[in-house]
Amino acid sequence: MTVLVIAEHDHAALKPATLNTVTAAVACASGDVHVLVAGANAGDAAKAAAQIAGVAKVLHADAPQFADQLVENVAAQVLAIAGGYSHLVFPATAHGKNVAPRVAARLDVAQVSEITRVVAPDTFERPIHAGNAIATVQSMDGTKVITVRATGFDAASATGGSAKIESVAAVSDTGMSTLVGREVTKSDRPELTAAKIVVSGGRALGSSEKFAEVLTPLADKLGAALGASRAAVDAGYAPNDWQVGQTGKIVAPALYVAAGISGAIQHLAGMKDSKVIVAINKDPEAPIFSVADYGLEADLFTAVPELVGAL
């Protein structure tokens, strides 16, 4: 069984979630793992994919209609080559979760979403009920369309591979959509979902000014990304793209610092796979302490500046 990974990239480089997806694909495969790079002038991304350990072949479809990564065109390209594969595997990112259902619908198969473990080539584990239960799902479909939660798999080595790069014919532009505009948030900090350290704040911070005043120095010291609970985002203390949780972003950094976050179920679902969790909260009954490796029962307005001073 040959498995196809649909790479996520910016044409020049691969997105980190692609490496985790390759690891899941290797676990699914009894045969080779191939990677599809559909882009415009994306030769560098294809070369990067060829160097991933465990990848046997890179399929490179290069055409102007892939420049904006419009999901209709990418899905059409996947469908054009899907016949030779037992598994079509996507990262469970915004883009992957946009393309995969279109592919599954056209193939008339059931999608298996956000897997965190491969039990067998046809059997997978995935979280349900905000991560409070793990479902074991078996797919009997001839072609399995899967999205992979990156936090559930280690990243494959980005070097050490020597896959062959094969050019494939690009599908024509479907003409179903056009990109009107894109607003991209620019930051000097690491991307939240790829950061090795995340500092998050909750509603207890009280205002956006306090959020910046208290947490920014700690994040600067640690070289961390900034995150927030849904309550803090809803209150306007932090932007929406900082939200960590079931309805936000799923993260699993090496270190997660939660300051003033009570630990509602929906937040825990987004960060409980972090390697080390540090919680700072003055409420000894806060649920966040149940998943924390280190808990500090203290006023964050005192504890965080002291921590910054000690660092």
Protein backbone atom coordinates (compact mmCIF):
# COMPACT_ATOMS: atom_id res chain seq x y z
CA MET A 1 0.00 0.00 0.00
CA THR A 2 1.48 3.29 -1.15
CA VAL A 3 0.58 6.40 0.83
CA LEU A 4 0.40 9.95 -0.53
CA VAL A 5 1.08 12.93 1.73
CA ILE A 6 -0.22 16.28 0.52
CA ALA A 7 2.47 18.76 1.52
CA GLU A 8 1.63 22.15 2.94
CA HIS A 9 4.11 24.80 1.88
CA ASP A 10 4.65 28.42 0.89
CA HIS A 11 6.31 27.41 -2.43
CA ALA A 12 9.78 28.10 -1.01
CA ALA A 13 9.68 25.85 2.06
CA LEU A 14 7.54 23.20 3.71
CA LYS A 15 5.30 24.02 6.65
CA PRO A 16 6.32 22.14 9.83
CA ALA A 17 3.06 20.12 9.99
CA THR A 18 4.10 18.31 6.81
CA LEU A 19 6.90 16.56 8.71
CA ASN A 20 4.50 15.26 11.37
CA THR A 21 2.15 14.09 8.64
CA VAL A 22 4.95 12.10 6.99
CA THR A 23 5.53 10.28 10.29
CA ALA A 24 1.85 9.28 10.39
CA ALA A 25 2.01 8.23 6.73
CA VAL A 26 5.01 5.98 7.36
CA ALA A 27 3.02 4.26 10.13
CA CYS A 28 0.14 3.67 7.67
CA ALA A 29 2.27 2.35 4.84
CA SER A 30 3.28 -1.19 4.04
CA GLY A 31 4.80 0.22 0.87
CA ASP A 32 6.28 3.57 -0.09
CA VAL A 33 5.41 7.07 1.06
CA HIS A 34 5.09 9.70 -1.68
CA VAL A 35 4.66 13.45 -1.21
CA LEU A 36 2.69 15.76 -3.50
CA VAL A 37 3.95 19.33 -3.82
CA ALA A 38 1.44 21.35 -5.86
CA GLY A 39 2.65 24.91 -6.24
CA ALA A 40 3.87 27.70 -8.48
CA ASN A 41 7.65 27.89 -8.82
CA ALA A 42 7.79 25.51 -5.88
CA GLY A 43 10.99 23.72 -6.82
CA ASP A 44 12.61 24.55 -3.49
CA ALA A 45 9.68 23.06 -1.58
CA ALA A 46 9.89 19.91 -3.70
CA LYS A 47 13.62 19.61 -2.99
CA ALA A 48 12.93 20.00 0.74
CA ALA A 49 10.31 17.25 0.54
CA ALA A 50 12.80 14.96 -1.20
CA GLN A 51 15.15 15.27 1.77
CA ILE A 52 12.60 14.08 4.35
CA ALA A 53 13.55 10.75 5.87
CA GLY A 54 11.09 8.02 4.89
CA VAL A 55 9.90 9.60 1.64
CA ALA A 56 10.45 7.50 -1.50
CA LYS A 57 9.16 9.89 -4.18
CA VAL A 58 8.08 13.51 -4.55
CA LEU A 59 5.42 14.37 -7.12
CA HIS A 60 5.84 17.96 -8.24
CA ALA A 61 2.93 19.69 -9.97
CA ASP A 62 3.95 23.21 -10.88
CA ALA A 63 1.56 25.72 -12.46
CA PRO A 64 0.37 29.31 -11.96
CA GLN A 65 -3.08 28.16 -10.79
CA PHE A 66 -1.49 26.79 -7.61
CA ALA A 67 0.08 30.12 -6.66
CA ASP A 68 -2.67 31.03 -4.21
CA GLN A 69 -3.19 27.43 -3.02
CA LEU A 70 -6.90 27.64 -3.81
CA VAL A 71 -8.44 24.51 -2.37
CA GLU A 72 -10.51 23.66 -5.45
CA ASN A 73 -7.39 23.48 -7.61
CA VAL A 74 -5.34 21.57 -5.04
CA ALA A 75 -8.18 19.07 -4.52
CA ALA A 76 -8.45 18.56 -8.27
CA GLN A 77 -4.73 17.82 -8.46
CA VAL A 78 -4.97 15.27 -5.64
CA LEU A 79 -7.92 13.57 -7.34
CA ALA A 80 -6.01 13.41 -10.64
CA ILE A 81 -3.36 11.14 -9.11
CA ALA A 82 -5.33 9.50 -6.29
CA GLY A 83 -5.95 6.23 -8.12
CA GLY A 84 -2.60 4.67 -7.22
CA TYR A 85 -2.79 5.25 -3.48
CA SER A 86 -4.37 3.46 -0.54
CA HIS A 87 -4.15 6.49 1.77
CA LEU A 88 -4.34 10.24 1.08
CA VAL A 89 -2.94 11.99 4.12
CA PHE A 90 -3.26 15.70 4.92
CA PRO A 91 -2.07 17.83 7.85
CA ALA A 92 -5.03 18.83 10.05
CA THR A 93 -4.34 22.51 9.45
CA ALA A 94 -6.81 25.08 8.14
CA HIS A 95 -5.67 24.34 4.59
CA GLY A 96 -5.59 20.57 4.98
CA LYS A 97 -9.03 20.51 6.59
CA ASN A 98 -10.30 22.56 3.67
CA VAL A 99 -8.94 20.29 0.93
CA ALA A 100 -9.45 16.83 2.45
CA PRO A 101 -13.30 16.88 2.67
CA ARG A 102 -13.54 17.86 -0.99
CA VAL A 103 -11.34 14.93 -1.95
CA ALA A 104 -13.26 12.50 0.28
CA ALA A 105 -16.60 13.65 -1.12
CA ARG A 106 -15.49 13.23 -4.73
CA LEU A 107 -14.14 9.75 -3.95
CA ASP A 108 -17.34 8.93 -2.03
CA VAL A 109 -15.44 7.77 1.06
CA ALA A 110 -15.63 8.68 4.73
CA GLN A 111 -12.89 10.99 5.96
CA VAL A 112 -11.04 10.03 9.15
CA SER A 113 -10.26 13.32 10.88
CA GLU A 114 -7.43 14.45 13.15
CA ILE A 115 -5.89 11.10 13.94
CA THR A 116 -3.37 10.97 16.79
CA ARG A 117 -2.27 7.33 16.44
CA VAL A 118 -2.09 4.66 13.75
CA VAL A 119 -3.15 1.31 15.20
CA ALA A 120 -3.10 -0.50 11.85
CA PRO A 121 -3.26 0.62 8.20
CA ASP A 122 -7.07 0.65 8.44
CA THR A 123 -7.47 1.56 12.13
CA PHE A 124 -6.78 4.88 13.80
CA GLU A 125 -7.25 6.72 17.08
CA ARG A 126 -8.72 10.21 17.22
CA PRO A 127 -9.86 12.44 20.12
CA ILE A 128 -13.56 13.15 20.66
CA HIS A 129 -15.54 15.15 23.23
CA ALA A 130 -12.88 17.86 23.47
CA GLY A 131 -10.18 15.27 23.96
CA ASN A 132 -11.84 13.64 26.96
CA ALA A 133 -12.23 10.36 25.08
CA ILE A 134 -10.28 8.61 22.35
CA ALA A 135 -12.23 6.86 19.58
CA THR A 136 -10.77 3.94 17.67
CA VAL A 137 -11.97 4.19 14.07
CA GLN A 138 -11.68 1.50 11.41
CA SER A 139 -12.09 2.44 7.76
CA MET A 140 -13.05 -0.20 5.21
CA ASP A 141 -12.88 2.22 2.27
CA GLY A 142 -10.54 1.34 -0.57
CA THR A 143 -8.98 4.80 -0.42
CA LYS A 144 -8.59 6.29 3.04
CA VAL A 145 -8.68 10.08 3.33
CA ILE A 146 -7.05 11.13 6.59
CA THR A 147 -6.15 14.34 8.36
CA VAL A 148 -3.35 14.18 10.93
CA ARG A 149 -3.20 16.16 14.16
CA ALA A 150 0.43 17.22 14.18
CA THR A 151 0.70 17.19 17.97
CA GLY A 152 0.06 13.44 17.97
CA PHE A 153 3.17 12.53 15.95
CA ASP A 154 6.83 13.42 16.14
CA ALA A 155 8.20 15.33 13.18
CA ALA A 156 10.05 13.27 10.60
CA SER A 157 13.67 14.23 10.07
CA ALA A 158 13.91 16.99 7.48
CA THR A 159 17.24 15.62 6.27
CA GLY A 160 18.64 12.23 5.41
CA GLY A 161 16.25 11.37 2.61
CA SER A 162 17.06 11.12 -1.07
CA ALA A 163 13.70 10.78 -2.78
CA LYS A 164 13.29 11.05 -6.52
CA ILE A 165 11.44 14.17 -7.73
CA GLU A 166 9.00 13.41 -10.53
CA SER A 167 7.13 16.11 -12.44
CA VAL A 168 3.43 15.38 -12.95
CA ALA A 169 0.98 17.10 -15.25
CA ALA A 170 -0.84 19.94 -13.52
CA VAL A 171 -4.62 20.01 -13.74
CA SER A 172 -6.29 22.97 -15.40
CA ASP A 173 -7.59 25.85 -13.32
CA THR A 174 -11.08 24.87 -12.14
CA GLY A 175 -12.19 28.51 -12.26
CA MET A 176 -14.39 27.89 -9.24
CA SER A 177 -12.80 30.55 -7.05
CA THR A 178 -10.37 33.45 -7.13
CA LEU A 179 -8.34 35.05 -4.38
CA VAL A 180 -9.61 38.57 -3.69
CA GLY A 181 -7.11 39.40 -0.97
CA ARG A 182 -5.18 38.05 1.97
CA GLU A 183 -4.36 39.74 5.25
CA VAL A 184 -1.45 38.10 7.00
CA THR A 185 -0.51 38.90 10.57
CA LYS A 186 3.20 39.62 10.79
CA SER A 187 5.09 38.96 13.99
CA ASP A 188 8.68 38.59 15.13
CA ARG A 189 7.54 35.79 17.42
CA PRO A 190 7.41 32.10 16.46
CA GLU A 191 4.19 30.84 14.88
CA LEU A 192 1.92 29.64 17.69
CA THR A 193 1.36 26.10 16.41
CA ALA A 194 5.08 25.59 15.65
CA ALA A 195 6.61 27.28 18.71
CA LYS A 196 8.70 25.25 21.14
CA ILE A 197 7.62 27.51 24.02
CA VAL A 198 4.21 29.13 24.48
CA VAL A 199 3.19 31.65 27.14
CA SER A 200 -0.60 31.95 27.46
CA GLY A 201 -2.80 34.25 29.51
CA GLY A 202 -6.38 34.10 30.67
CA ARG A 203 -9.21 36.40 31.66
CA ALA A 204 -7.56 37.01 35.05
CA LEU A 205 -5.20 39.48 33.37
CA GLY A 206 -8.08 41.93 33.23
CA SER A 207 -7.18 43.99 30.15
CA SER A 208 -5.20 43.97 26.94
CA GLU A 209 -2.79 46.45 28.50
CA LYS A 210 -2.07 44.12 31.43
CA PHE A 211 -1.80 41.20 29.01
CA ALA A 212 1.00 42.97 27.17
CA GLU A 213 2.61 44.43 30.29
CA VAL A 214 2.80 41.16 32.24
CA LEU A 215 3.20 38.41 29.64
CA THR A 216 5.22 40.07 26.87
CA PRO A 217 8.41 40.37 28.97
CA LEU A 218 8.21 36.68 29.90
CA ALA A 219 7.65 35.67 26.28
CA ASP A 220 10.59 37.86 25.24
CA LYS A 221 12.86 36.23 27.81
CA LEU A 222 11.89 32.74 26.71
CA GLY A 223 11.68 33.42 22.97
CA ALA A 224 8.11 32.18 23.15
CA ALA A 225 4.91 32.57 21.17
CA LEU A 226 1.99 34.25 22.94
CA GLY A 227 -1.32 32.45 23.39
CA ALA A 228 -4.60 33.08 25.16
CA SER A 229 -7.65 31.34 26.49
CA ARG A 230 -10.99 31.75 24.76
CA ALA A 231 -12.22 33.88 27.66
CA ALA A 232 -9.32 36.30 27.20
CA VAL A 233 -9.93 36.50 23.45
CA ASP A 234 -13.69 37.00 23.90
CA ALA A 235 -12.96 39.79 26.38
CA GLY A 236 -10.74 41.53 23.81
CA TYR A 237 -7.49 41.07 25.74
CA ALA A 238 -5.79 39.18 22.91
CA PRO A 239 -6.34 38.71 19.15
CA ASN A 240 -8.32 35.75 17.87
CA ASP A 241 -5.31 34.07 16.25
CA TRP A 242 -3.72 33.67 19.71
CA GLN A 243 -6.56 31.48 20.98
CA VAL A 244 -5.53 28.04 22.19
CA GLY A 245 -8.19 25.38 22.64
CA GLN A 246 -10.80 23.24 20.99
CA THR A 247 -12.18 26.23 19.09
CA GLY A 248 -8.74 27.76 18.59
CA LYS A 249 -5.33 26.30 17.86
CA ILE A 250 -3.98 22.96 19.02
CA VAL A 251 -0.43 23.24 20.38
CA ALA A 252 2.07 20.83 21.90
CA PRO A 253 5.23 22.80 22.66
CA ALA A 254 8.13 21.63 24.81
CA LEU A 255 7.04 24.18 27.43
CA TYR A 256 3.57 25.69 27.96
CA VAL A 257 3.16 28.41 30.58
CA ALA A 258 -0.45 29.15 31.57
CA ALA A 259 -0.89 32.35 33.57
CA GLY A 260 -4.30 33.15 34.99
CA ILE A 261 -6.00 30.38 33.03
CA SER A 262 -8.52 28.32 35.00
CA GLY A 263 -8.33 25.35 32.64
CA ALA A 264 -11.76 24.89 31.10
CA ILE A 265 -12.17 21.65 29.15
CA GLN A 266 -12.11 23.41 25.79
CA HIS A 267 -8.75 25.04 26.63
CA LEU A 268 -7.20 21.83 27.94
CA ALA A 269 -8.13 20.13 24.67
CA GLY A 270 -5.78 22.52 22.87
CA MET A 271 -2.66 22.23 25.02
CA LYS A 272 -2.67 19.16 27.26
CA ASP A 273 -0.26 17.30 24.97
CA SER A 274 2.47 19.85 25.76
CA LYS A 275 5.64 18.20 27.05
CA VAL A 276 5.91 20.37 30.21
CA ILE A 277 3.01 22.47 31.52
CA VAL A 278 3.55 25.23 34.08
CA ALA A 279 0.43 26.77 35.64
CA ILE A 280 0.28 30.00 37.63
CA ASN A 281 -3.07 30.61 39.31
CA LYS A 282 -4.17 31.87 42.73
CA ASP A 283 -7.14 29.48 42.83
CA PRO A 284 -5.95 26.15 44.28
CA GLU A 285 -9.00 24.41 42.78
CA ALA A 286 -8.32 25.57 39.22
CA PRO A 287 -8.64 22.60 36.80
CA ILE A 288 -5.42 23.64 35.06
CA PHE A 289 -3.47 22.18 37.99
CA SER A 290 -4.80 18.71 37.14
CA VAL A 291 -2.74 18.62 33.93
CA ALA A 292 0.18 20.80 35.05
CA ASP A 293 3.63 19.33 35.63
CA TYR A 294 4.47 22.33 37.79
CA GLY A 295 1.85 24.44 39.54
CA LEU A 296 2.38 27.73 41.33
CA GLU A 297 -0.49 28.92 43.55
CA ALA A 298 0.16 32.64 43.41
CA ASP A 299 -1.03 35.99 42.10
CA LEU A 300 0.20 36.15 38.52
CA PHE A 301 0.78 39.92 38.76
CA THR A 302 3.43 39.18 41.39
CA ALA A 303 4.71 35.80 40.25
CA VAL A 304 5.27 36.52 36.55
CA PRO A 305 7.40 39.68 37.06
CA GLU A 306 9.42 37.78 39.69
CA LEU A 307 9.93 34.96 37.20
CA VAL A 308 11.05 37.44 34.55
CA GLY A 309 13.49 38.97 37.04
CA ALA A 310 14.90 35.55 37.90
CA LEU A 311 15.42 34.70 34.24
